[in-house]
All heavy atoms as atom14 arrays in JSON, in Angstrom:
{
  "sequence": "AVARDVLERARPGYHPITTASVEQVIARAPEPAPAPVSPVLEGEP",
  "atom14_mask": [
    [1, 1, 1, 1, 1, 0, 0, 0, 0, 0, 0, 0, 0, 0],
    [1, 1, 1, 1, 1, 1, 1, 0, 0, 0, 0, 0, 0, 0],
    [1, 1, 1, 1, 1, 0, 0, 0, 0, 0, 0, 0, 0, 0],
    [1, 1, 1, 1, 1, 1, 1, 1, 1, 1, 1, 0, 0, 0],
    [1, 1, 1, 1, 1, 1, 1, 1, 0, 0, 0, 0, 0, 0],
    [1, 1, 1, 1, 1, 1, 1, 0, 0, 0, 0, 0, 0, 0],
    [1, 1, 1, 1, 1, 1, 1, 1, 0, 0, 0, 0, 0, 0],
    [1, 1, 1, 1, 1, 1, 1, 1, 1, 0, 0, 0, 0, 0],
    [1, 1, 1, 1, 1, 1, 1, 1, 1, 1, 1, 0, 0, 0],
    [1, 1, 1, 1, 1, 0, 0, 0, 0, 0, 0, 0, 0, 0],
    [1, 1, 1, 1, 1, 1, 1, 1, 1, 1, 1, 0, 0, 0],
    [1, 1, 1, 1, 1, 1, 1, 0, 0, 0, 0, 0, 0, 0],
    [1, 1, 1, 1, 0, 0, 0, 0, 0, 0, 0, 0, 0, 0],
    [1, 1, 1, 1, 1, 1, 1, 1, 1, 1, 1, 1, 0, 0],
    [1, 1, 1, 1, 1, 1, 1, 1, 1, 1, 0, 0, 0, 0],
    [1, 1, 1, 1, 1, 1, 1, 0, 0, 0, 0, 0, 0, 0],
    [1, 1, 1, 1, 1, 1, 1, 1, 0, 0, 0, 0, 0, 0],
    [1, 1, 1, 1, 1, 1, 1, 0, 0, 0, 0, 0, 0, 0],
    [1, 1, 1, 1, 1, 1, 1, 0, 0, 0, 0, 0, 0, 0],
    [1, 1, 1, 1, 1, 0, 0, 0, 0, 0, 0, 0, 0, 0],
    [1, 1, 1, 1, 1, 1, 0, 0, 0, 0, 0, 0, 0, 0],
    [1, 1, 1, 1, 1, 1, 1, 0, 0, 0, 0, 0, 0, 0],
    [1, 1, 1, 1, 1, 1, 1, 1, 1, 0, 0, 0, 0, 0],
    [1, 1, 1, 1, 1, 1, 1, 1, 1, 0, 0, 0, 0, 0],
    [1, 1, 1, 1, 1, 1, 1, 0, 0, 0, 0, 0, 0, 0],
    [1, 1, 1, 1, 1, 1, 1, 1, 0, 0, 0, 0, 0, 0],
    [1, 1, 1, 1, 1, 0, 0, 0, 0, 0, 0, 0, 0, 0],
    [1, 1, 1, 1, 1, 1, 1, 1, 1, 1, 1, 0, 0, 0],
    [1, 1, 1, 1, 1, 0, 0, 0, 0, 0, 0, 0, 0, 0],
    [1, 1, 1, 1, 1, 1, 1, 0, 0, 0, 0, 0, 0, 0],
    [1, 1, 1, 1, 1, 1, 1, 1, 1, 0, 0, 0, 0, 0],
    [1, 1, 1, 1, 1, 1, 1, 0, 0, 0, 0, 0, 0, 0],
    [1, 1, 1, 1, 1, 0, 0, 0, 0, 0, 0, 0, 0, 0],
    [1, 1, 1, 1, 1, 1, 1, 0, 0, 0, 0, 0, 0, 0],
    [1, 1, 1, 1, 1, 0, 0, 0, 0, 0, 0, 0, 0, 0],
    [1, 1, 1, 1, 1, 1, 1, 0, 0, 0, 0, 0, 0, 0],
    [1, 1, 1, 1, 1, 1, 1, 0, 0, 0, 0, 0, 0, 0],
    [1, 1, 1, 1, 1, 1, 0, 0, 0, 0, 0, 0, 0, 0],
    [1, 1, 1, 1, 1, 1, 1, 0, 0, 0, 0, 0, 0, 0],
    [1, 1, 1, 1, 1, 1, 1, 0, 0, 0, 0, 0, 0, 0],
    [1, 1, 1, 1, 1, 1, 1, 1, 0, 0, 0, 0, 0, 0],
    [1, 1, 1, 1, 1, 1, 1, 1, 1, 0, 0, 0, 0, 0],
    [1, 1, 1, 1, 0, 0, 0, 0, 0, 0, 0, 0, 0, 0],
    [1, 1, 1, 1, 1, 1, 1, 1, 1, 0, 0, 0, 0, 0],
    [1, 1, 1, 1, 1, 1, 1, 0, 0, 0, 0, 0, 0, 0]
  ],
  "atom14_positions": [
    [[-29.19, 18.06, -35.78], [-29.9, 17.35, -36.9], [-30.82, 18.21, -37.74], [-30.78, 18.12, -38.99], [-30.7, 16.16, -36.3], [0.0, 0.0, 0.0], [0.0, 0.0, 0.0], [0.0, 0.0, 0.0], [0.0, 0.0, 0.0], [0.0, 0.0, 0.0], [0.0, 0.0, 0.0], [0.0, 0.0, 0.0], [0.0, 0.0, 0.0], [0.0, 0.0, 0.0]],
    [[-31.56, 19.12, -37.05], [-32.33, 20.05, -37.78], [-31.51, 20.97, -38.65], [-31.8, 21.25, -39.78], [-33.23, 20.82, -36.8], [-33.92, 21.96, -37.46], [-34.13, 20.03, -36.09], [0.0, 0.0, 0.0], [0.0, 0.0, 0.0], [0.0, 0.0, 0.0], [0.0, 0.0, 0.0], [0.0, 0.0, 0.0], [0.0, 0.0, 0.0], [0.0, 0.0, 0.0]],
    [[-30.43, 21.47, -38.06], [-29.53, 22.39, -38.77], [-28.95, 21.73, -39.99], [-28.92, 22.38, -41.11], [-28.38, 22.88, -37.91], [0.0, 0.0, 0.0], [0.0, 0.0, 0.0], [0.0, 0.0, 0.0], [0.0, 0.0, 0.0], [0.0, 0.0, 0.0], [0.0, 0.0, 0.0], [0.0, 0.0, 0.0], [0.0, 0.0, 0.0], [0.0, 0.0, 0.0]],
    [[-28.56, 20.52, -39.94], [-28.01, 19.81, -41.11], [-29.02, 19.57, -42.17], [-28.79, 19.73, -43.34], [-27.42, 18.47, -40.67], [-26.11, 18.55, -39.81], [-25.49, 17.23, -39.64], [-24.23, 17.26, -38.93], [-23.97, 16.67, -37.86], [-24.82, 15.89, -37.23], [-22.74, 16.77, -37.32], [0.0, 0.0, 0.0], [0.0, 0.0, 0.0], [0.0, 0.0, 0.0]],
    [[-30.22, 19.2, -41.71], [-31.28, 19.04, -42.65], [-31.7, 20.31, -43.39], [-31.86, 20.39, -44.6], [-32.55, 18.42, -41.93], [-33.79, 18.38, -42.81], [-33.78, 17.52, -43.71], [-34.71, 19.14, -42.56], [0.0, 0.0, 0.0], [0.0, 0.0, 0.0], [0.0, 0.0, 0.0], [0.0, 0.0, 0.0], [0.0, 0.0, 0.0], [0.0, 0.0, 0.0]],
    [[-31.77, 21.35, -42.6], [-32.14, 22.65, -43.26], [-31.04, 23.16, -44.23], [-31.33, 23.6, -45.34], [-32.44, 23.75, -42.17], [-32.55, 25.12, -42.82], [-33.66, 23.37, -41.36], [0.0, 0.0, 0.0], [0.0, 0.0, 0.0], [0.0, 0.0, 0.0], [0.0, 0.0, 0.0], [0.0, 0.0, 0.0], [0.0, 0.0, 0.0], [0.0, 0.0, 0.0]],
    [[-29.81, 22.95, -43.82], [-28.72, 23.4, -44.68], [-28.79, 22.64, -46.03], [-28.59, 23.22, -47.06], [-27.35, 23.13, -44.05], [-26.14, 23.41, -44.91], [-26.08, 24.83, -45.37], [-24.87, 23.05, -44.21], [0.0, 0.0, 0.0], [0.0, 0.0, 0.0], [0.0, 0.0, 0.0], [0.0, 0.0, 0.0], [0.0, 0.0, 0.0], [0.0, 0.0, 0.0]],
    [[-29.0, 21.33, -46.06], [-29.06, 20.58, -47.24], [-30.22, 21.07, -48.17], [-30.03, 21.2, -49.33], [-29.2, 19.09, -47.03], [-27.95, 18.52, -46.39], [-26.7, 18.9, -47.2], [-26.64, 18.7, -48.43], [-25.78, 19.45, -46.53], [0.0, 0.0, 0.0], [0.0, 0.0, 0.0], [0.0, 0.0, 0.0], [0.0, 0.0, 0.0], [0.0, 0.0, 0.0]],
    [[-31.29, 21.43, -47.52], [-32.42, 22.05, -48.31], [-32.13, 23.4, -48.86], [-32.56, 23.83, -49.92], [-33.74, 22.03, -47.52], [-34.35, 20.58, -47.32], [-35.69, 20.68, -46.73], [-35.56, 20.8, -45.26], [-36.21, 21.51, -44.49], [-37.27, 22.3, -45.04], [-36.11, 21.58, -43.18], [0.0, 0.0, 0.0], [0.0, 0.0, 0.0], [0.0, 0.0, 0.0]],
    [[-31.35, 24.13, -48.02], [-31.12, 25.54, -48.43], [-29.85, 25.67, -49.36], [-29.68, 26.7, -50.04], [-30.93, 26.4, -47.14], [0.0, 0.0, 0.0], [0.0, 0.0, 0.0], [0.0, 0.0, 0.0], [0.0, 0.0, 0.0], [0.0, 0.0, 0.0], [0.0, 0.0, 0.0], [0.0, 0.0, 0.0], [0.0, 0.0, 0.0], [0.0, 0.0, 0.0]],
    [[-28.99, 24.63, -49.38], [-27.7, 24.78, -50.0], [-27.81, 25.25, -51.47], [-26.94, 26.15, -51.89], [-27.03, 23.44, -49.96], [-25.58, 23.43, -50.52], [-24.9, 22.08, -50.49], [-24.87, 21.53, -49.08], [-23.78, 21.69, -48.31], [-22.76, 22.47, -48.66], [-23.83, 21.1, -47.1], [0.0, 0.0, 0.0], [0.0, 0.0, 0.0], [0.0, 0.0, 0.0]],
    [[-28.81, 24.83, -52.27], [-28.83, 25.31, -53.7], [-28.97, 26.85, -53.76], [-28.58, 27.44, -54.77], [-29.99, 24.5, -54.27], [-30.17, 23.32, -53.43], [-29.82, 23.72, -52.03], [0.0, 0.0, 0.0], [0.0, 0.0, 0.0], [0.0, 0.0, 0.0], [0.0, 0.0, 0.0], [0.0, 0.0, 0.0], [0.0, 0.0, 0.0], [0.0, 0.0, 0.0]],
    [[-29.61, 27.45, -52.81], [-29.87, 28.85, -52.87], [-28.97, 29.61, -52.02], [-29.04, 30.83, -52.11], [0.0, 0.0, 0.0], [0.0, 0.0, 0.0], [0.0, 0.0, 0.0], [0.0, 0.0, 0.0], [0.0, 0.0, 0.0], [0.0, 0.0, 0.0], [0.0, 0.0, 0.0], [0.0, 0.0, 0.0], [0.0, 0.0, 0.0], [0.0, 0.0, 0.0]],
    [[-28.03, 29.02, -51.3], [-27.09, 29.83, -50.48], [-25.88, 30.23, -51.2], [-25.41, 29.47, -52.1], [-26.66, 28.97, -49.3], [-27.58, 28.94, -48.02], [-28.7, 29.68, -48.03], [-27.2, 28.25, -46.9], [-29.61, 29.67, -46.91], [-28.0, 28.2, -45.8], [-29.2, 28.97, -45.8], [-29.98, 28.95, -44.64], [0.0, 0.0, 0.0], [0.0, 0.0, 0.0]],
    [[-25.34, 31.41, -51.03], [-24.01, 31.84, -51.46], [-22.96, 30.97, -50.85], [-23.09, 30.5, -49.68], [-23.82, 33.31, -51.14], [-22.68, 33.92, -51.88], [-21.35, 33.65, -51.44], [-22.61, 34.69, -53.0], [-20.58, 34.38, -52.23], [-21.24, 34.96, -53.19], [0.0, 0.0, 0.0], [0.0, 0.0, 0.0], [0.0, 0.0, 0.0], [0.0, 0.0, 0.0]],
    [[-21.86, 30.73, -51.53], [-20.75, 29.87, -50.94], [-20.32, 30.46, -49.65], [-19.98, 29.7, -48.72], [-19.66, 29.97, -52.06], [-20.38, 30.17, -53.31], [-21.63, 31.02, -53.03], [0.0, 0.0, 0.0], [0.0, 0.0, 0.0], [0.0, 0.0, 0.0], [0.0, 0.0, 0.0], [0.0, 0.0, 0.0], [0.0, 0.0, 0.0], [0.0, 0.0, 0.0]],
    [[-20.3, 31.81, -49.45], [-19.87, 32.36, -48.21], [-20.79, 32.01, -47.1], [-20.33, 31.59, -45.95], [-19.85, 33.89, -48.38], [-18.73, 34.33, -49.34], [-19.6, 34.56, -46.99], [-18.75, 35.79, -49.66], [0.0, 0.0, 0.0], [0.0, 0.0, 0.0], [0.0, 0.0, 0.0], [0.0, 0.0, 0.0], [0.0, 0.0, 0.0], [0.0, 0.0, 0.0]],
    [[-22.1, 32.0, -47.37], [-23.08, 31.57, -46.34], [-23.02, 30.11, -45.98], [-22.98, 29.75, -44.88], [-24.45, 31.96, -46.84], [-24.64, 33.34, -47.18], [-25.55, 31.54, -45.76], [0.0, 0.0, 0.0], [0.0, 0.0, 0.0], [0.0, 0.0, 0.0], [0.0, 0.0, 0.0], [0.0, 0.0, 0.0], [0.0, 0.0, 0.0], [0.0, 0.0, 0.0]],
    [[-22.85, 29.26, -47.07], [-22.75, 27.88, -46.87], [-21.61, 27.54, -45.94], [-21.64, 26.76, -44.99], [-22.62, 27.13, -48.16], [-23.76, 27.38, -49.03], [-22.44, 25.56, -47.97], [0.0, 0.0, 0.0], [0.0, 0.0, 0.0], [0.0, 0.0, 0.0], [0.0, 0.0, 0.0], [0.0, 0.0, 0.0], [0.0, 0.0, 0.0], [0.0, 0.0, 0.0]],
    [[-20.42, 28.14, -46.22], [-19.16, 27.94, -45.41], [-19.43, 28.3, -44.02], [-18.99, 27.64, -43.07], [-17.96, 28.7, -46.05], [0.0, 0.0, 0.0], [0.0, 0.0, 0.0], [0.0, 0.0, 0.0], [0.0, 0.0, 0.0], [0.0, 0.0, 0.0], [0.0, 0.0, 0.0], [0.0, 0.0, 0.0], [0.0, 0.0, 0.0], [0.0, 0.0, 0.0]],
    [[-20.11, 29.5, -43.72], [-20.32, 29.99, -42.43], [-21.22, 28.94, -41.63], [-20.91, 28.64, -40.53], [-20.99, 31.29, -42.4], [-20.22, 32.23, -43.02], [0.0, 0.0, 0.0], [0.0, 0.0, 0.0], [0.0, 0.0, 0.0], [0.0, 0.0, 0.0], [0.0, 0.0, 0.0], [0.0, 0.0, 0.0], [0.0, 0.0, 0.0], [0.0, 0.0, 0.0]],
    [[-22.29, 28.42, -42.25], [-23.21, 27.54, -41.56], [-22.42, 26.2, -41.29], [-22.46, 25.62, -40.17], [-24.44, 27.26, -42.47], [-25.28, 26.23, -41.72], [-25.2, 28.53, -42.62], [0.0, 0.0, 0.0], [0.0, 0.0, 0.0], [0.0, 0.0, 0.0], [0.0, 0.0, 0.0], [0.0, 0.0, 0.0], [0.0, 0.0, 0.0], [0.0, 0.0, 0.0]],
    [[-21.64, 25.73, -42.23], [-20.84, 24.5, -42.07], [-19.94, 24.58, -40.91], [-19.77, 23.68, -40.15], [-20.17, 24.15, -43.36], [-21.08, 23.6, -44.53], [-20.3, 23.35, -45.8], [-19.24, 23.99, -45.96], [-20.82, 22.6, -46.61], [0.0, 0.0, 0.0], [0.0, 0.0, 0.0], [0.0, 0.0, 0.0], [0.0, 0.0, 0.0], [0.0, 0.0, 0.0]],
    [[-19.29, 25.77, -40.81], [-18.36, 25.97, -39.63], [-19.11, 25.89, -38.32], [-18.58, 25.31, -37.33], [-17.66, 27.24, -39.83], [-16.68, 27.32, -40.98], [-16.11, 28.74, -41.25], [-16.42, 29.68, -40.53], [-15.29, 28.89, -42.22], [0.0, 0.0, 0.0], [0.0, 0.0, 0.0], [0.0, 0.0, 0.0], [0.0, 0.0, 0.0], [0.0, 0.0, 0.0]],
    [[-20.23, 26.53, -38.27], [-21.05, 26.4, -37.03], [-21.42, 25.02, -36.68], [-21.34, 24.6, -35.49], [-22.27, 27.37, -37.12], [-23.28, 27.07, -35.95], [-21.91, 28.78, -37.09], [0.0, 0.0, 0.0], [0.0, 0.0, 0.0], [0.0, 0.0, 0.0], [0.0, 0.0, 0.0], [0.0, 0.0, 0.0], [0.0, 0.0, 0.0], [0.0, 0.0, 0.0]],
    [[-21.84, 24.26, -37.7], [-22.28, 22.87, -37.39], [-21.08, 22.03, -37.03], [-21.1, 21.25, -36.11], [-22.91, 22.31, -38.68], [-24.26, 22.97, -38.9], [-23.15, 20.8, -38.55], [-24.96, 22.57, -40.2], [0.0, 0.0, 0.0], [0.0, 0.0, 0.0], [0.0, 0.0, 0.0], [0.0, 0.0, 0.0], [0.0, 0.0, 0.0], [0.0, 0.0, 0.0]],
    [[-19.93, 22.27, -37.64], [-18.69, 21.47, -37.37], [-18.22, 21.78, -35.86], [-17.62, 20.93, -35.27], [-17.6, 21.84, -38.34], [0.0, 0.0, 0.0], [0.0, 0.0, 0.0], [0.0, 0.0, 0.0], [0.0, 0.0, 0.0], [0.0, 0.0, 0.0], [0.0, 0.0, 0.0], [0.0, 0.0, 0.0], [0.0, 0.0, 0.0], [0.0, 0.0, 0.0]],
    [[-18.52, 23.04, -35.37], [-18.1, 23.3, -33.96], [-19.11, 22.85, -32.98], [-18.97, 23.22, -31.78], [-17.84, 24.82, -33.88], [-16.69, 25.33, -34.74], [-16.26, 26.65, -34.24], [-17.33, 27.71, -34.36], [-17.46, 28.5, -35.35], [-16.69, 28.47, -36.43], [-18.49, 29.35, -35.4], [0.0, 0.0, 0.0], [0.0, 0.0, 0.0], [0.0, 0.0, 0.0]],
    [[-20.2, 22.29, -33.4], [-21.19, 21.93, -32.37], [-20.67, 20.99, -31.33], [-19.81, 20.15, -31.57], [-22.38, 21.12, -33.17], [0.0, 0.0, 0.0], [0.0, 0.0, 0.0], [0.0, 0.0, 0.0], [0.0, 0.0, 0.0], [0.0, 0.0, 0.0], [0.0, 0.0, 0.0], [0.0, 0.0, 0.0], [0.0, 0.0, 0.0], [0.0, 0.0, 0.0]],
    [[-21.15, 21.26, -30.07], [-20.66, 20.48, -28.9], [-20.94, 18.96, -29.14], [-21.96, 18.53, -29.72], [-21.42, 20.93, -27.71], [-21.95, 22.31, -28.21], [-22.13, 22.24, -29.65], [0.0, 0.0, 0.0], [0.0, 0.0, 0.0], [0.0, 0.0, 0.0], [0.0, 0.0, 0.0], [0.0, 0.0, 0.0], [0.0, 0.0, 0.0], [0.0, 0.0, 0.0]],
    [[-20.01, 18.15, -28.8], [-20.21, 16.7, -28.94], [-21.3, 16.25, -27.78], [-21.26, 16.73, -26.75], [-18.91, 15.93, -28.59], [-17.83, 16.14, -29.67], [-18.29, 15.41, -30.97], [-19.01, 14.4, -30.88], [-17.83, 15.86, -32.05], [0.0, 0.0, 0.0], [0.0, 0.0, 0.0], [0.0, 0.0, 0.0], [0.0, 0.0, 0.0], [0.0, 0.0, 0.0]],
    [[-22.26, 15.37, -28.21], [-23.21, 14.89, -27.23], [-22.59, 14.12, -26.12], [-21.63, 13.34, -26.35], [-24.19, 14.0, -28.11], [-23.38, 13.63, -29.26], [-22.41, 14.77, -29.54], [0.0, 0.0, 0.0], [0.0, 0.0, 0.0], [0.0, 0.0, 0.0], [0.0, 0.0, 0.0], [0.0, 0.0, 0.0], [0.0, 0.0, 0.0], [0.0, 0.0, 0.0]],
    [[-23.05, 14.34, -24.91], [-22.54, 13.53, -23.78], [-22.91, 12.05, -23.98], [-23.9, 11.68, -24.41], [-23.17, 14.12, -22.51], [0.0, 0.0, 0.0], [0.0, 0.0, 0.0], [0.0, 0.0, 0.0], [0.0, 0.0, 0.0], [0.0, 0.0, 0.0], [0.0, 0.0, 0.0], [0.0, 0.0, 0.0], [0.0, 0.0, 0.0], [0.0, 0.0, 0.0]],
    [[-21.92, 11.19, -23.57], [-22.24, 9.73, -23.68], [-23.36, 9.37, -22.77], [-23.51, 9.91, -21.72], [-20.84, 9.09, -23.27], [-20.23, 10.1, -22.46], [-20.64, 11.41, -22.99], [0.0, 0.0, 0.0], [0.0, 0.0, 0.0], [0.0, 0.0, 0.0], [0.0, 0.0, 0.0], [0.0, 0.0, 0.0], [0.0, 0.0, 0.0], [0.0, 0.0, 0.0]],
    [[-24.15, 8.4, -23.21], [-25.3, 7.85, -22.38], [-24.72, 7.17, -21.17], [-23.75, 6.34, -21.32], [-26.12, 7.02, -23.28], [0.0, 0.0, 0.0], [0.0, 0.0, 0.0], [0.0, 0.0, 0.0], [0.0, 0.0, 0.0], [0.0, 0.0, 0.0], [0.0, 0.0, 0.0], [0.0, 0.0, 0.0], [0.0, 0.0, 0.0], [0.0, 0.0, 0.0]],
    [[-25.29, 7.4, -20.07], [-24.78, 6.64, -18.82], [-25.07, 5.19, -18.9], [-26.09, 4.75, -19.45], [-25.58, 7.29, -17.69], [-26.89, 7.83, -18.33], [-26.45, 8.29, -19.75], [0.0, 0.0, 0.0], [0.0, 0.0, 0.0], [0.0, 0.0, 0.0], [0.0, 0.0, 0.0], [0.0, 0.0, 0.0], [0.0, 0.0, 0.0], [0.0, 0.0, 0.0]],
    [[-24.11, 4.43, -18.38], [-24.27, 3.0, -18.37], [-24.64, 2.55, -16.93], [-23.9, 2.9, -16.03], [-22.94, 2.29, -18.83], [-23.13, 0.75, -18.76], [-22.6, 2.73, -20.17], [0.0, 0.0, 0.0], [0.0, 0.0, 0.0], [0.0, 0.0, 0.0], [0.0, 0.0, 0.0], [0.0, 0.0, 0.0], [0.0, 0.0, 0.0], [0.0, 0.0, 0.0]],
    [[-25.73, 1.86, -16.8], [-26.22, 1.51, -15.44], [-26.38, -0.06, -15.45], [-26.68, -0.62, -16.45], [-27.54, 2.17, -15.12], [-28.48, 1.78, -16.03], [0.0, 0.0, 0.0], [0.0, 0.0, 0.0], [0.0, 0.0, 0.0], [0.0, 0.0, 0.0], [0.0, 0.0, 0.0], [0.0, 0.0, 0.0], [0.0, 0.0, 0.0], [0.0, 0.0, 0.0]],
    [[-26.19, -0.63, -14.2], [-26.42, -2.11, -14.18], [-27.9, -2.45, -14.39], [-28.76, -1.56, -14.22], [-26.01, -2.37, -12.73], [-26.22, -1.1, -12.03], [-25.85, -0.01, -12.99], [0.0, 0.0, 0.0], [0.0, 0.0, 0.0], [0.0, 0.0, 0.0], [0.0, 0.0, 0.0], [0.0, 0.0, 0.0], [0.0, 0.0, 0.0], [0.0, 0.0, 0.0]],
    [[-28.11, -3.68, -14.77], [-29.5, -4.11, -15.03], [-30.18, -4.27, -13.6], [-29.64, -5.06, -12.77], [-29.51, -5.42, -15.79], [-30.94, -5.94, -15.93], [-28.88, -5.22, -17.12], [0.0, 0.0, 0.0], [0.0, 0.0, 0.0], [0.0, 0.0, 0.0], [0.0, 0.0, 0.0], [0.0, 0.0, 0.0], [0.0, 0.0, 0.0], [0.0, 0.0, 0.0]],
    [[-31.28, -3.58, -13.34], [-31.94, -3.74, -12.12], [-33.09, -4.74, -12.22], [-33.52, -5.14, -13.28], [-32.57, -2.31, -11.73], [-31.56, -1.21, -11.67], [-32.27, 0.14, -11.32], [-30.54, -1.48, -10.59], [0.0, 0.0, 0.0], [0.0, 0.0, 0.0], [0.0, 0.0, 0.0], [0.0, 0.0, 0.0], [0.0, 0.0, 0.0], [0.0, 0.0, 0.0]],
    [[-33.47, -5.1, -11.01], [-34.52, -6.13, -10.98], [-35.73, -5.67, -11.63], [-36.2, -4.51, -11.53], [-34.83, -6.44, -9.46], [-35.86, -7.59, -9.31], [-36.16, -7.89, -7.84], [-35.52, -7.26, -7.02], [-37.04, -8.75, -7.58], [0.0, 0.0, 0.0], [0.0, 0.0, 0.0], [0.0, 0.0, 0.0], [0.0, 0.0, 0.0], [0.0, 0.0, 0.0]],
    [[-36.28, -6.51, -12.53], [-37.47, -6.17, -13.22], [-37.24, -5.52, -14.58], [-38.1, -5.39, -15.41], [0.0, 0.0, 0.0], [0.0, 0.0, 0.0], [0.0, 0.0, 0.0], [0.0, 0.0, 0.0], [0.0, 0.0, 0.0], [0.0, 0.0, 0.0], [0.0, 0.0, 0.0], [0.0, 0.0, 0.0], [0.0, 0.0, 0.0], [0.0, 0.0, 0.0]],
    [[-35.94, -5.16, -14.89], [-35.52, -4.66, -16.24], [-35.35, -5.8, -17.14], [-34.87, -6.92, -16.76], [-34.29, -3.8, -16.16], [-34.52, -2.47, -15.49], [-33.27, -1.59, -15.66], [-32.21, -2.14, -15.77], [-33.48, -0.34, -15.65], [0.0, 0.0, 0.0], [0.0, 0.0, 0.0], [0.0, 0.0, 0.0], [0.0, 0.0, 0.0], [0.0, 0.0, 0.0]],
    [[-35.7, -5.6, -18.41], [-35.46, -6.73, -19.36], [-33.94, -6.97, -19.64], [-33.17, -5.98, -19.63], [-36.12, -6.19, -20.6], [-36.12, -4.74, -20.46], [-36.24, -4.45, -19.05], [0.0, 0.0, 0.0], [0.0, 0.0, 0.0], [0.0, 0.0, 0.0], [0.0, 0.0, 0.0], [0.0, 0.0, 0.0], [0.0, 0.0, 0.0], [0.0, 0.0, 0.0]]
  ]
}
C-alpha cells in the first residue's frame, strides 16, 4: 500500500523506464495470506 501510494505521487517525475520497473515489482508482490477462520468462542460477539 505504501509503495502504490508513493508511486502515484512520484509518477509525474519518474521516467517511463523507472515507472515500468516499479509497477513490475508491485505486480509481483506476494499475495497476502487469507485470514484464518475460527469458530465463535464463548464470550465472543
